[in-house]
Amino acid sequence: MFAGLIISASLSGQNMRLLGEGIPFVTGIDTPEIGSHAKCIKERKLALIAKGRLEELLAEKGLRIVLSGAVDKTLSHRPLVNIYRTNGEKIGKKLLTEGFARTWSPKRPN
């Protein structure tokens, strides 16, 4: 049901991908797909809920973005990042603990 390496985020018009607690291309977070990439209606609904929660988190003041130095393997080469809340918590980890994402690994099928 879930596909993709890591969730996309956009701040100030810059598209990025969240790592969560992951290491680029080794581990990361996996979220439901939106639109035509979704395998079913349930996945689309879950994706919209997860996107809404991400938007809430990204609206917080004082976020800190830390670049990993890596970019994703898509044509747009989005930077792989961790975004920290003012309390030091990673937004990707928050999505994991709240059930909006799951741990991604290349060894585990989507």
C-alpha atoms as a PDB file:
ATOM      1  CA  MET A   1       0.000   0.000   0.000  1.00  0.00           C
ATOM      2  CA  PHE A   2       2.814   2.434   0.783  1.00  0.00           C
ATOM      3  CA  ALA A   3       5.371   3.395  -1.829  1.00  0.00           C
ATOM      4  CA  GLY A   4       8.225   5.820  -2.103  1.00  0.00           C
ATOM      5  CA  LEU A   5      11.408   6.407  -0.203  1.00  0.00           C
ATOM      6  CA  ILE A   6      10.508   9.393   1.905  1.00  0.00           C
ATOM      7  CA  ILE A   7       7.802  11.979   2.221  1.00  0.00           C
ATOM      8  CA  SER A   8       8.042  15.197   0.219  1.00  0.00           C
ATOM      9  CA  ALA A   9       7.963  18.564   1.897  1.00  0.00           C
ATOM     10  CA  SER A  10       8.029  22.072   0.531  1.00  0.00           C
ATOM     11  CA  LEU A  11       9.233  25.126   2.417  1.00  0.00           C
ATOM     12  CA  SER A  12       9.507  28.514   0.736  1.00  0.00           C
ATOM     13  CA  GLY A  13       8.933  26.876  -2.653  1.00  0.00           C
ATOM     14  CA  GLN A  14      11.873  24.446  -2.308  1.00  0.00           C
ATOM     15  CA  ASN A  15      10.847  20.794  -2.621  1.00  0.00           C
ATOM     16  CA  MET A  16      12.669  18.470  -0.234  1.00  0.00           C
ATOM     17  CA  ARG A  17      12.343  14.900   1.010  1.00  0.00           C
ATOM     18  CA  LEU A  18      12.260  14.020   4.689  1.00  0.00           C
ATOM     19  CA  LEU A  19      14.593  11.367   6.037  1.00  0.00           C
ATOM     20  CA  GLY A  20      12.910  10.818   9.391  1.00  0.00           C
ATOM     21  CA  GLU A  21      15.492   8.931  11.426  1.00  0.00           C
ATOM     22  CA  GLY A  22      17.006   7.450   8.309  1.00  0.00           C
ATOM     23  CA  ILE A  23      20.279   7.331   6.466  1.00  0.00           C
ATOM     24  CA  PRO A  24      20.043   8.316   2.770  1.00  0.00           C
ATOM     25  CA  PHE A  25      19.216   5.279   0.588  1.00  0.00           C
ATOM     26  CA  VAL A  26      19.572   2.887   3.567  1.00  0.00           C
ATOM     27  CA  THR A  27      16.596   3.698   5.803  1.00  0.00           C
ATOM     28  CA  GLY A  28      13.969   6.403   5.860  1.00  0.00           C
ATOM     29  CA  ILE A  29      10.246   6.946   6.171  1.00  0.00           C
ATOM     30  CA  ASP A  30       7.512   5.701   3.888  1.00  0.00           C
ATOM     31  CA  THR A  31       4.139   7.391   3.473  1.00  0.00           C
ATOM     32  CA  PRO A  32       0.939   6.669   1.542  1.00  0.00           C
ATOM     33  CA  GLU A  33       0.885   7.840  -2.081  1.00  0.00           C
ATOM     34  CA  ILE A  34      -1.417  10.579  -3.376  1.00  0.00           C
ATOM     35  CA  GLY A  35      -3.227  10.703  -6.708  1.00  0.00           C
ATOM     36  CA  SER A  36      -2.423   8.293  -9.517  1.00  0.00           C
ATOM     37  CA  HIS A  37       0.484   6.780  -7.559  1.00  0.00           C
ATOM     38  CA  ALA A  38      -1.935   5.395  -4.939  1.00  0.00           C
ATOM     39  CA  LYS A  39      -2.882   1.742  -5.271  1.00  0.00           C
ATOM     40  CA  CYS A  40      -6.434   2.273  -3.953  1.00  0.00           C
ATOM     41  CA  ILE A  41      -8.888   4.840  -2.598  1.00  0.00           C
ATOM     42  CA  LYS A  42      -7.975   3.986   0.995  1.00  0.00           C
ATOM     43  CA  GLU A  43      -4.331   4.815   0.318  1.00  0.00           C
ATOM     44  CA  ARG A  44      -5.323   8.167  -1.242  1.00  0.00           C
ATOM     45  CA  LYS A  45      -7.399   9.018   1.827  1.00  0.00           C
ATOM     46  CA  LEU A  46      -4.556   8.084   4.176  1.00  0.00           C
ATOM     47  CA  ALA A  47      -2.163  10.159   2.066  1.00  0.00           C
ATOM     48  CA  LEU A  48      -4.357  13.252   2.335  1.00  0.00           C
ATOM     49  CA  ILE A  49      -4.549  12.848   6.108  1.00  0.00           C
ATOM     50  CA  ALA A  50      -0.757  12.428   6.359  1.00  0.00           C
ATOM     51  CA  LYS A  51      -0.221  15.446   4.088  1.00  0.00           C
ATOM     52  CA  GLY A  52      -2.509  17.534   6.287  1.00  0.00           C
ATOM     53  CA  ARG A  53      -0.536  16.573   9.390  1.00  0.00           C
ATOM     54  CA  LEU A  54       2.751  17.381   7.650  1.00  0.00           C
ATOM     55  CA  GLU A  55       1.394  20.793   6.639  1.00  0.00           C
ATOM     56  CA  GLU A  56       0.431  21.453  10.293  1.00  0.00           C
ATOM     57  CA  LEU A  57       3.941  20.569  11.426  1.00  0.00           C
ATOM     58  CA  LEU A  58       5.585  22.668   8.683  1.00  0.00           C
ATOM     59  CA  ALA A  59       3.482  25.690   9.720  1.00  0.00           C
ATOM     60  CA  GLU A  60       5.216  25.810  13.117  1.00  0.00           C
ATOM     61  CA  LYS A  61       7.559  28.724  13.771  1.00  0.00           C
ATOM     62  CA  GLY A  62      11.270  28.185  14.335  1.00  0.00           C
ATOM     63  CA  LEU A  63      11.803  25.028  12.249  1.00  0.00           C
ATOM     64  CA  ARG A  64      15.416  24.130  11.473  1.00  0.00           C
ATOM     65  CA  ILE A  65      16.317  22.355   8.224  1.00  0.00           C
ATOM     66  CA  VAL A  66      19.443  20.196   8.135  1.00  0.00           C
ATOM     67  CA  LEU A  67      20.645  19.033   4.715  1.00  0.00           C
ATOM     68  CA  SER A  68      22.080  15.508   4.542  1.00  0.00           C
ATOM     69  CA  GLY A  69      24.259  16.378   1.561  1.00  0.00           C
ATOM     70  CA  ALA A  70      22.409  13.806  -0.582  1.00  0.00           C
ATOM     71  CA  VAL A  71      19.642  14.263  -3.156  1.00  0.00           C
ATOM     72  CA  ASP A  72      16.897  11.871  -4.181  1.00  0.00           C
ATOM     73  CA  LYS A  73      17.123   9.785  -7.346  1.00  0.00           C
ATOM     74  CA  THR A  74      14.314  11.571  -9.189  1.00  0.00           C
ATOM     75  CA  LEU A  75      14.840  13.984 -12.082  1.00  0.00           C
ATOM     76  CA  SER A  76      14.288  16.946  -9.746  1.00  0.00           C
ATOM     77  CA  HIS A  77      17.106  15.838  -7.373  1.00  0.00           C
ATOM     78  CA  ARG A  78      15.345  17.048  -4.228  1.00  0.00           C
ATOM     79  CA  PRO A  79      17.645  17.449  -1.226  1.00  0.00           C
ATOM     80  CA  LEU A  80      17.251  14.805   1.495  1.00  0.00           C
ATOM     81  CA  VAL A  81      16.728  16.657   4.761  1.00  0.00           C
ATOM     82  CA  ASN A  82      15.741  16.434   8.377  1.00  0.00           C
ATOM     83  CA  ILE A  83      13.516  19.197   9.701  1.00  0.00           C
ATOM     84  CA  TYR A  84      13.645  19.852  13.438  1.00  0.00           C
ATOM     85  CA  ARG A  85      10.966  21.408  15.614  1.00  0.00           C
ATOM     86  CA  THR A  86      11.931  23.958  18.261  1.00  0.00           C
ATOM     87  CA  ASN A  87      11.958  21.161  20.887  1.00  0.00           C
ATOM     88  CA  GLY A  88      14.602  19.292  18.830  1.00  0.00           C
ATOM     89  CA  GLU A  89      12.210  16.605  17.560  1.00  0.00           C
ATOM     90  CA  LYS A  90      12.528  15.556  13.912  1.00  0.00           C
ATOM     91  CA  ILE A  91       9.314  16.076  11.939  1.00  0.00           C
ATOM     92  CA  GLY A  92       9.865  12.744  10.172  1.00  0.00           C
ATOM     93  CA  LYS A  93      10.085  10.946  13.529  1.00  0.00           C
ATOM     94  CA  LYS A  94       6.903  12.705  14.668  1.00  0.00           C
ATOM     95  CA  LEU A  95       5.085  11.381  11.582  1.00  0.00           C
ATOM     96  CA  LEU A  96       6.353   7.875  12.417  1.00  0.00           C
ATOM     97  CA  THR A  97       5.265   7.986  16.058  1.00  0.00           C
ATOM     98  CA  GLU A  98       1.841   9.371  15.151  1.00  0.00           C
ATOM     99  CA  GLY A  99       1.266   6.639  12.553  1.00  0.00           C
ATOM    100  CA  PHE A 100       1.345   8.851   9.439  1.00  0.00           C
ATOM    101  CA  ALA A 101       4.447   7.075   8.098  1.00  0.00           C
ATOM    102  CA  ARG A 102       6.323   3.824   8.549  1.00  0.00           C
ATOM    103  CA  THR A 103       9.990   2.928   8.442  1.00  0.00           C
ATOM    104  CA  TRP A 104      11.323   2.392   4.929  1.00  0.00           C
ATOM    105  CA  SER A 105      14.076  -0.053   4.013  1.00  0.00           C
ATOM    106  CA  PRO A 106      15.207  -1.144   0.540  1.00  0.00           C
ATOM    107  CA  LYS A 107      15.101  -4.763   1.780  1.00  0.00           C
ATOM    108  CA  ARG A 108      11.400  -4.599   2.642  1.00  0.00           C
ATOM    109  CA  PRO A 109       8.900  -4.568  -0.224  1.00  0.00           C
ATOM    110  CA  ASN A 110       6.442  -1.666  -0.371  1.00  0.00           C
END
